Amino acid sequence: MITVTESAAQKAATLISHSEAPAESELGLRMQVVGGGCSGFQYNLEFGTAKGSDKIFEFHGLKVFIDPRSTLYLAGSVLDYNDGLMDSGFKITNPNAKNTCGCGESFSV
């Protein structure tokens, strides 16, 4: 199970509401782990609709879609959004990550 903070859910919902995609009520946030980066895996966040085998979660009114393979890597993770002067954006805190690269964009398990 993952957790999405209220600030992350609100920011994602705001971005979805400003999108020009049809059927906003079907849109949600897709969280995915893909191969790549300097440590082996990296996160991919995008807006879209659920696919057939996705697990669907809802946090603070935001639908979150995760494919079965990514669910294994993201178990226990927290998605947060920070809107600070020096650092803003979505951040994933993943207890399964054993190592991360210097820029924090990729990880290994």
C-alpha atoms as a PDB file:
ATOM      1  CA  MET A   1       0.000   0.000   0.000  1.00  0.00           C
ATOM      2  CA  ILE A   2       1.180   3.506  -0.758  1.00  0.00           C
ATOM      3  CA  THR A   3       0.261   6.825   0.822  1.00  0.00           C
ATOM      4  CA  VAL A   4      -0.409  10.126  -0.946  1.00  0.00           C
ATOM      5  CA  THR A   5      -0.301  13.217   1.239  1.00  0.00           C
ATOM      6  CA  GLU A   6      -3.054  15.778   1.066  1.00  0.00           C
ATOM      7  CA  SER A   7      -0.701  18.363  -0.491  1.00  0.00           C
ATOM      8  CA  ALA A   8       0.302  15.919  -3.259  1.00  0.00           C
ATOM      9  CA  ALA A   9      -3.324  14.984  -3.944  1.00  0.00           C
ATOM     10  CA  GLN A  10      -4.383  18.635  -4.086  1.00  0.00           C
ATOM     11  CA  LYS A  11      -1.559  19.582  -6.476  1.00  0.00           C
ATOM     12  CA  ALA A  12      -2.265  16.623  -8.763  1.00  0.00           C
ATOM     13  CA  ALA A  13      -6.002  17.421  -8.758  1.00  0.00           C
ATOM     14  CA  THR A  14      -5.237  21.042  -9.642  1.00  0.00           C
ATOM     15  CA  LEU A  15      -3.026  19.970 -12.540  1.00  0.00           C
ATOM     16  CA  ILE A  16      -5.678  17.544 -13.784  1.00  0.00           C
ATOM     17  CA  SER A  17      -8.375  20.228 -13.605  1.00  0.00           C
ATOM     18  CA  HIS A  18      -6.221  22.528 -15.757  1.00  0.00           C
ATOM     19  CA  SER A  19      -5.608  19.831 -18.379  1.00  0.00           C
ATOM     20  CA  GLU A  20      -7.477  19.862 -21.656  1.00  0.00           C
ATOM     21  CA  ALA A  21      -8.082  16.118 -21.637  1.00  0.00           C
ATOM     22  CA  PRO A  22     -11.706  15.000 -21.945  1.00  0.00           C
ATOM     23  CA  ALA A  23     -13.556  13.156 -19.174  1.00  0.00           C
ATOM     24  CA  GLU A  24     -11.672  14.673 -16.253  1.00  0.00           C
ATOM     25  CA  SER A  25     -13.488  12.402 -13.803  1.00  0.00           C
ATOM     26  CA  GLU A  26     -11.717   9.374 -15.325  1.00  0.00           C
ATOM     27  CA  LEU A  27      -8.257  10.926 -15.048  1.00  0.00           C
ATOM     28  CA  GLY A  28      -5.914  10.122 -12.226  1.00  0.00           C
ATOM     29  CA  LEU A  29      -2.244   9.930 -11.387  1.00  0.00           C
ATOM     30  CA  ARG A  30      -0.292   6.946 -12.705  1.00  0.00           C
ATOM     31  CA  MET A  31       2.688   5.979 -10.545  1.00  0.00           C
ATOM     32  CA  GLN A  32       5.135   3.635 -12.207  1.00  0.00           C
ATOM     33  CA  VAL A  33       8.607   2.229 -11.658  1.00  0.00           C
ATOM     34  CA  VAL A  34      10.587   1.754 -14.867  1.00  0.00           C
ATOM     35  CA  GLY A  35      14.106   0.601 -15.622  1.00  0.00           C
ATOM     36  CA  GLY A  36      16.665   3.329 -16.108  1.00  0.00           C
ATOM     37  CA  GLY A  37      18.616   6.024 -14.408  1.00  0.00           C
ATOM     38  CA  CYS A  38      22.050   5.592 -12.927  1.00  0.00           C
ATOM     39  CA  SER A  39      20.866   3.332 -10.082  1.00  0.00           C
ATOM     40  CA  GLY A  40      18.703   0.915 -12.086  1.00  0.00           C
ATOM     41  CA  PHE A  41      15.111   2.082 -11.536  1.00  0.00           C
ATOM     42  CA  GLN A  42      13.343   5.386 -11.790  1.00  0.00           C
ATOM     43  CA  TYR A  43       9.911   6.750 -11.028  1.00  0.00           C
ATOM     44  CA  ASN A  44       7.441   7.822 -13.675  1.00  0.00           C
ATOM     45  CA  LEU A  45       4.460  10.017 -12.757  1.00  0.00           C
ATOM     46  CA  GLU A  46       1.878  10.939 -15.379  1.00  0.00           C
ATOM     47  CA  PHE A  47      -1.799  11.727 -15.671  1.00  0.00           C
ATOM     48  CA  GLY A  48      -4.022   9.233 -17.443  1.00  0.00           C
ATOM     49  CA  THR A  49      -6.747   6.662 -17.058  1.00  0.00           C
ATOM     50  CA  ALA A  50      -6.657   3.215 -15.490  1.00  0.00           C
ATOM     51  CA  LYS A  51      -5.430   0.276 -17.546  1.00  0.00           C
ATOM     52  CA  GLY A  52      -6.830  -3.236 -17.264  1.00  0.00           C
ATOM     53  CA  SER A  53      -4.541  -4.697 -14.609  1.00  0.00           C
ATOM     54  CA  ASP A  54      -3.899  -1.515 -12.599  1.00  0.00           C
ATOM     55  CA  LYS A  55      -4.557  -1.363  -8.906  1.00  0.00           C
ATOM     56  CA  ILE A  56      -6.678   1.696  -8.195  1.00  0.00           C
ATOM     57  CA  PHE A  57      -6.353   3.689  -4.999  1.00  0.00           C
ATOM     58  CA  GLU A  58      -7.996   6.924  -3.913  1.00  0.00           C
ATOM     59  CA  PHE A  59      -6.429   9.527  -1.636  1.00  0.00           C
ATOM     60  CA  HIS A  60      -8.128  12.798  -0.731  1.00  0.00           C
ATOM     61  CA  GLY A  61     -10.302  12.507  -3.853  1.00  0.00           C
ATOM     62  CA  LEU A  62      -7.387  11.705  -6.210  1.00  0.00           C
ATOM     63  CA  LYS A  63      -7.406   8.417  -8.137  1.00  0.00           C
ATOM     64  CA  VAL A  64      -3.986   6.748  -8.266  1.00  0.00           C
ATOM     65  CA  PHE A  65      -3.229   3.944 -10.741  1.00  0.00           C
ATOM     66  CA  ILE A  66      -0.316   1.528 -10.244  1.00  0.00           C
ATOM     67  CA  ASP A  67       0.522  -1.472 -12.402  1.00  0.00           C
ATOM     68  CA  PRO A  68       1.117  -4.801 -10.574  1.00  0.00           C
ATOM     69  CA  ARG A  69       4.911  -4.828 -11.056  1.00  0.00           C
ATOM     70  CA  SER A  70       5.322  -1.260  -9.813  1.00  0.00           C
ATOM     71  CA  THR A  71       3.151  -2.057  -6.793  1.00  0.00           C
ATOM     72  CA  LEU A  72       5.908  -4.371  -5.540  1.00  0.00           C
ATOM     73  CA  TYR A  73       8.564  -1.643  -5.730  1.00  0.00           C
ATOM     74  CA  LEU A  74       6.310   1.104  -4.335  1.00  0.00           C
ATOM     75  CA  ALA A  75       4.911  -0.794  -1.318  1.00  0.00           C
ATOM     76  CA  GLY A  76       5.058   1.480   1.725  1.00  0.00           C
ATOM     77  CA  SER A  77       6.048   4.551  -0.297  1.00  0.00           C
ATOM     78  CA  VAL A  78       4.785   8.056   0.385  1.00  0.00           C
ATOM     79  CA  LEU A  79       4.111  10.579  -2.387  1.00  0.00           C
ATOM     80  CA  ASP A  80       4.342  14.172  -1.182  1.00  0.00           C
ATOM     81  CA  TYR A  81       4.391  17.588  -2.818  1.00  0.00           C
ATOM     82  CA  ASN A  82       6.619  20.409  -1.609  1.00  0.00           C
ATOM     83  CA  ASP A  83       6.143  23.993  -2.764  1.00  0.00           C
ATOM     84  CA  GLY A  84       9.185  25.687  -1.247  1.00  0.00           C
ATOM     85  CA  LEU A  85      11.431  28.410  -2.613  1.00  0.00           C
ATOM     86  CA  MET A  86      14.465  26.160  -2.995  1.00  0.00           C
ATOM     87  CA  ASP A  87      12.763  22.872  -3.709  1.00  0.00           C
ATOM     88  CA  SER A  88       9.347  22.268  -5.213  1.00  0.00           C
ATOM     89  CA  GLY A  89       7.754  19.261  -6.833  1.00  0.00           C
ATOM     90  CA  PHE A  90       6.538  15.765  -6.145  1.00  0.00           C
ATOM     91  CA  LYS A  91       8.758  13.578  -3.967  1.00  0.00           C
ATOM     92  CA  ILE A  92       8.534   9.835  -3.386  1.00  0.00           C
ATOM     93  CA  THR A  93       9.913   8.436  -0.149  1.00  0.00           C
ATOM     94  CA  ASN A  94      10.416   4.725  -0.761  1.00  0.00           C
ATOM     95  CA  PRO A  95      11.412   2.412   2.123  1.00  0.00           C
ATOM     96  CA  ASN A  96      12.363  -0.288  -0.419  1.00  0.00           C
ATOM     97  CA  ALA A  97      15.113   1.818  -2.021  1.00  0.00           C
ATOM     98  CA  LYS A  98      18.485   0.569  -0.812  1.00  0.00           C
ATOM     99  CA  ASN A  99      20.515   3.139  -2.757  1.00  0.00           C
ATOM    100  CA  THR A 100      19.692   6.318  -4.642  1.00  0.00           C
ATOM    101  CA  CYS A 101      21.723   8.280  -7.121  1.00  0.00           C
ATOM    102  CA  GLY A 102      23.160  11.681  -6.265  1.00  0.00           C
ATOM    103  CA  CYS A 103      20.325  13.603  -7.914  1.00  0.00           C
ATOM    104  CA  GLY A 104      17.659  11.424  -6.260  1.00  0.00           C
ATOM    105  CA  GLU A 105      15.961  10.559  -9.554  1.00  0.00           C
ATOM    106  CA  SER A 106      16.735   6.846  -9.553  1.00  0.00           C
ATOM    107  CA  PHE A 107      17.132   4.044  -7.035  1.00  0.00           C
ATOM    108  CA  SER A 108      18.072   0.393  -6.559  1.00  0.00           C
ATOM    109  CA  VAL A 109      16.479  -2.325  -4.431  1.00  0.00           C
END
